[in-house]
Amino acid sequence: MKVWADPDHVGKITISIMNVLAKAFHVQAGKSEENRDYELLIKLSSACGYQAQLYSGLQKSHEFARRLDSIDKILSKATPEDLALGMNPVVIAEEDRRTSLALR
């Protein structure tokens, strides 16, 4: 059975890759104008951007999975009656009325 990698671990790896790419970029950018390899600079910056997008997407996926797990835990304990009453307009209106009276 495959398991998701811990987002912190994946984040550390991604940041490590970005640090290596950024270091190589700064070395190349620090060279004199005639010795700079602009093609390499573009490739390095593109690779950094790709890593950043990868990291962002992965973080969003992990956050979404965490939220789904939370919802799944709530729904697994709920009875059909609880679920039906939660969407019942009469129950919602009654709760709104109680809230407005409590605020007075």
C-alpha atoms as a PDB file:
ATOM      1  CA  MET A   1       0.000   0.000   0.000  1.00  0.00           C
ATOM      2  CA  LYS A   2       1.391   3.389  -0.987  1.00  0.00           C
ATOM      3  CA  VAL A   3       1.189   6.208   1.522  1.00  0.00           C
ATOM      4  CA  TRP A   4       1.503   9.950   0.928  1.00  0.00           C
ATOM      5  CA  ALA A   5       4.868  11.370   1.845  1.00  0.00           C
ATOM      6  CA  ASP A   6       4.862  13.812   4.714  1.00  0.00           C
ATOM      7  CA  PRO A   7       4.460  17.337   3.267  1.00  0.00           C
ATOM      8  CA  ASP A   8       7.228  18.649   5.524  1.00  0.00           C
ATOM      9  CA  HIS A   9       9.654  16.065   4.141  1.00  0.00           C
ATOM     10  CA  VAL A  10       8.689  16.796   0.530  1.00  0.00           C
ATOM     11  CA  GLY A  11       8.911  20.518   1.237  1.00  0.00           C
ATOM     12  CA  LYS A  12      12.445  20.158   2.604  1.00  0.00           C
ATOM     13  CA  ILE A  13      13.511  18.251  -0.499  1.00  0.00           C
ATOM     14  CA  THR A  14      11.926  20.827  -2.805  1.00  0.00           C
ATOM     15  CA  ILE A  15      13.514  23.724  -0.919  1.00  0.00           C
ATOM     16  CA  SER A  16      16.872  21.932  -1.062  1.00  0.00           C
ATOM     17  CA  ILE A  17      16.563  21.567  -4.845  1.00  0.00           C
ATOM     18  CA  MET A  18      15.588  25.228  -5.153  1.00  0.00           C
ATOM     19  CA  ASN A  19      18.603  26.268  -3.048  1.00  0.00           C
ATOM     20  CA  VAL A  20      20.969  24.374  -5.358  1.00  0.00           C
ATOM     21  CA  LEU A  21      19.345  25.905  -8.437  1.00  0.00           C
ATOM     22  CA  ALA A  22      19.393  29.404  -6.918  1.00  0.00           C
ATOM     23  CA  LYS A  23      23.064  29.046  -5.961  1.00  0.00           C
ATOM     24  CA  ALA A  24      23.958  28.023  -9.526  1.00  0.00           C
ATOM     25  CA  PHE A  25      21.864  30.916 -10.848  1.00  0.00           C
ATOM     26  CA  HIS A  26      23.642  33.458  -8.622  1.00  0.00           C
ATOM     27  CA  VAL A  27      27.065  32.100  -9.592  1.00  0.00           C
ATOM     28  CA  GLN A  28      26.189  32.480 -13.268  1.00  0.00           C
ATOM     29  CA  ALA A  29      24.581  35.902 -12.750  1.00  0.00           C
ATOM     30  CA  GLY A  30      27.650  37.122 -10.851  1.00  0.00           C
ATOM     31  CA  LYS A  31      29.923  36.542 -13.822  1.00  0.00           C
ATOM     32  CA  SER A  32      30.964  39.389 -16.047  1.00  0.00           C
ATOM     33  CA  GLU A  33      28.640  40.385 -18.880  1.00  0.00           C
ATOM     34  CA  GLU A  34      30.642  38.642 -21.620  1.00  0.00           C
ATOM     35  CA  ASN A  35      31.076  35.404 -19.614  1.00  0.00           C
ATOM     36  CA  ARG A  36      27.419  35.008 -18.638  1.00  0.00           C
ATOM     37  CA  ASP A  37      25.527  32.095 -20.142  1.00  0.00           C
ATOM     38  CA  TYR A  38      22.044  33.551 -20.580  1.00  0.00           C
ATOM     39  CA  GLU A  39      20.640  30.263 -21.829  1.00  0.00           C
ATOM     40  CA  LEU A  40      21.747  28.594 -18.584  1.00  0.00           C
ATOM     41  CA  LEU A  41      20.299  31.472 -16.541  1.00  0.00           C
ATOM     42  CA  ILE A  42      16.934  31.035 -18.246  1.00  0.00           C
ATOM     43  CA  LYS A  43      16.981  27.256 -17.692  1.00  0.00           C
ATOM     44  CA  LEU A  44      17.892  27.678 -14.022  1.00  0.00           C
ATOM     45  CA  SER A  45      15.175  30.258 -13.415  1.00  0.00           C
ATOM     46  CA  SER A  46      12.654  28.043 -15.234  1.00  0.00           C
ATOM     47  CA  ALA A  47      13.664  25.079 -13.086  1.00  0.00           C
ATOM     48  CA  CYS A  48      13.231  27.187  -9.916  1.00  0.00           C
ATOM     49  CA  GLY A  49       9.780  28.260 -11.083  1.00  0.00           C
ATOM     50  CA  TYR A  50       8.841  24.659 -11.827  1.00  0.00           C
ATOM     51  CA  GLN A  51       9.954  23.547  -8.357  1.00  0.00           C
ATOM     52  CA  ALA A  52       7.961  26.367  -6.764  1.00  0.00           C
ATOM     53  CA  GLN A  53       4.813  25.371  -8.681  1.00  0.00           C
ATOM     54  CA  LEU A  54       5.347  21.730  -7.753  1.00  0.00           C
ATOM     55  CA  TYR A  55       5.700  22.616  -4.090  1.00  0.00           C
ATOM     56  CA  SER A  56       2.623  24.852  -4.140  1.00  0.00           C
ATOM     57  CA  GLY A  57       0.495  22.212  -5.838  1.00  0.00           C
ATOM     58  CA  LEU A  58       1.652  19.541  -3.434  1.00  0.00           C
ATOM     59  CA  GLN A  59       0.862  21.699  -0.416  1.00  0.00           C
ATOM     60  CA  LYS A  60      -2.623  22.403  -1.771  1.00  0.00           C
ATOM     61  CA  SER A  61      -3.211  18.694  -2.376  1.00  0.00           C
ATOM     62  CA  HIS A  62      -2.147  17.797   1.165  1.00  0.00           C
ATOM     63  CA  GLU A  63      -4.347  20.522   2.640  1.00  0.00           C
ATOM     64  CA  PHE A  64      -7.305  19.317   0.572  1.00  0.00           C
ATOM     65  CA  ALA A  65      -6.673  15.697   1.659  1.00  0.00           C
ATOM     66  CA  ARG A  66      -6.521  16.797   5.310  1.00  0.00           C
ATOM     67  CA  ARG A  67      -9.843  18.619   4.953  1.00  0.00           C
ATOM     68  CA  LEU A  68     -11.453  15.600   3.277  1.00  0.00           C
ATOM     69  CA  ASP A  69     -10.256  13.332   6.101  1.00  0.00           C
ATOM     70  CA  SER A  70     -11.807  15.703   8.613  1.00  0.00           C
ATOM     71  CA  ILE A  71     -15.135  15.703   6.770  1.00  0.00           C
ATOM     72  CA  ASP A  72     -15.001  11.918   6.412  1.00  0.00           C
ATOM     73  CA  LYS A  73     -14.557  11.499  10.191  1.00  0.00           C
ATOM     74  CA  ILE A  74     -17.570  13.721  10.859  1.00  0.00           C
ATOM     75  CA  LEU A  75     -19.766  11.999   8.285  1.00  0.00           C
ATOM     76  CA  SER A  76     -18.790   8.489   9.395  1.00  0.00           C
ATOM     77  CA  LYS A  77     -20.213   9.221  12.873  1.00  0.00           C
ATOM     78  CA  ALA A  78     -23.347  11.035  11.689  1.00  0.00           C
ATOM     79  CA  THR A  79     -26.646   9.228  11.447  1.00  0.00           C
ATOM     80  CA  PRO A  80     -29.015   9.761   8.511  1.00  0.00           C
ATOM     81  CA  GLU A  81     -31.303  11.632  10.893  1.00  0.00           C
ATOM     82  CA  ASP A  82     -28.499  13.994  11.923  1.00  0.00           C
ATOM     83  CA  LEU A  83     -27.692  14.673   8.302  1.00  0.00           C
ATOM     84  CA  ALA A  84     -31.342  15.241   7.374  1.00  0.00           C
ATOM     85  CA  LEU A  85     -31.966  17.552  10.324  1.00  0.00           C
ATOM     86  CA  GLY A  86     -28.822  19.543   9.564  1.00  0.00           C
ATOM     87  CA  MET A  87     -30.293  20.595   6.208  1.00  0.00           C
ATOM     88  CA  ASN A  88     -33.866  20.987   7.400  1.00  0.00           C
ATOM     89  CA  PRO A  89     -35.092  24.571   6.751  1.00  0.00           C
ATOM     90  CA  VAL A  90     -37.224  24.519   9.920  1.00  0.00           C
ATOM     91  CA  VAL A  91     -34.234  23.573  12.081  1.00  0.00           C
ATOM     92  CA  ILE A  92     -32.088  26.217  10.393  1.00  0.00           C
ATOM     93  CA  ALA A  93     -34.745  28.905  10.892  1.00  0.00           C
ATOM     94  CA  GLU A  94     -35.161  27.914  14.546  1.00  0.00           C
ATOM     95  CA  GLU A  95     -31.391  28.138  15.092  1.00  0.00           C
ATOM     96  CA  ASP A  96     -31.317  31.560  13.411  1.00  0.00           C
ATOM     97  CA  ARG A  97     -34.142  32.722  15.688  1.00  0.00           C
ATOM     98  CA  ARG A  98     -32.315  31.479  18.786  1.00  0.00           C
ATOM     99  CA  THR A  99     -29.161  33.245  17.685  1.00  0.00           C
ATOM    100  CA  SER A 100     -30.933  36.539  17.072  1.00  0.00           C
ATOM    101  CA  LEU A 101     -32.657  36.328  20.479  1.00  0.00           C
ATOM    102  CA  ALA A 102     -29.353  35.572  22.189  1.00  0.00           C
ATOM    103  CA  LEU A 103     -27.775  38.645  20.626  1.00  0.00           C
ATOM    104  CA  ARG A 104     -30.387  40.958  22.123  1.00  0.00           C
END
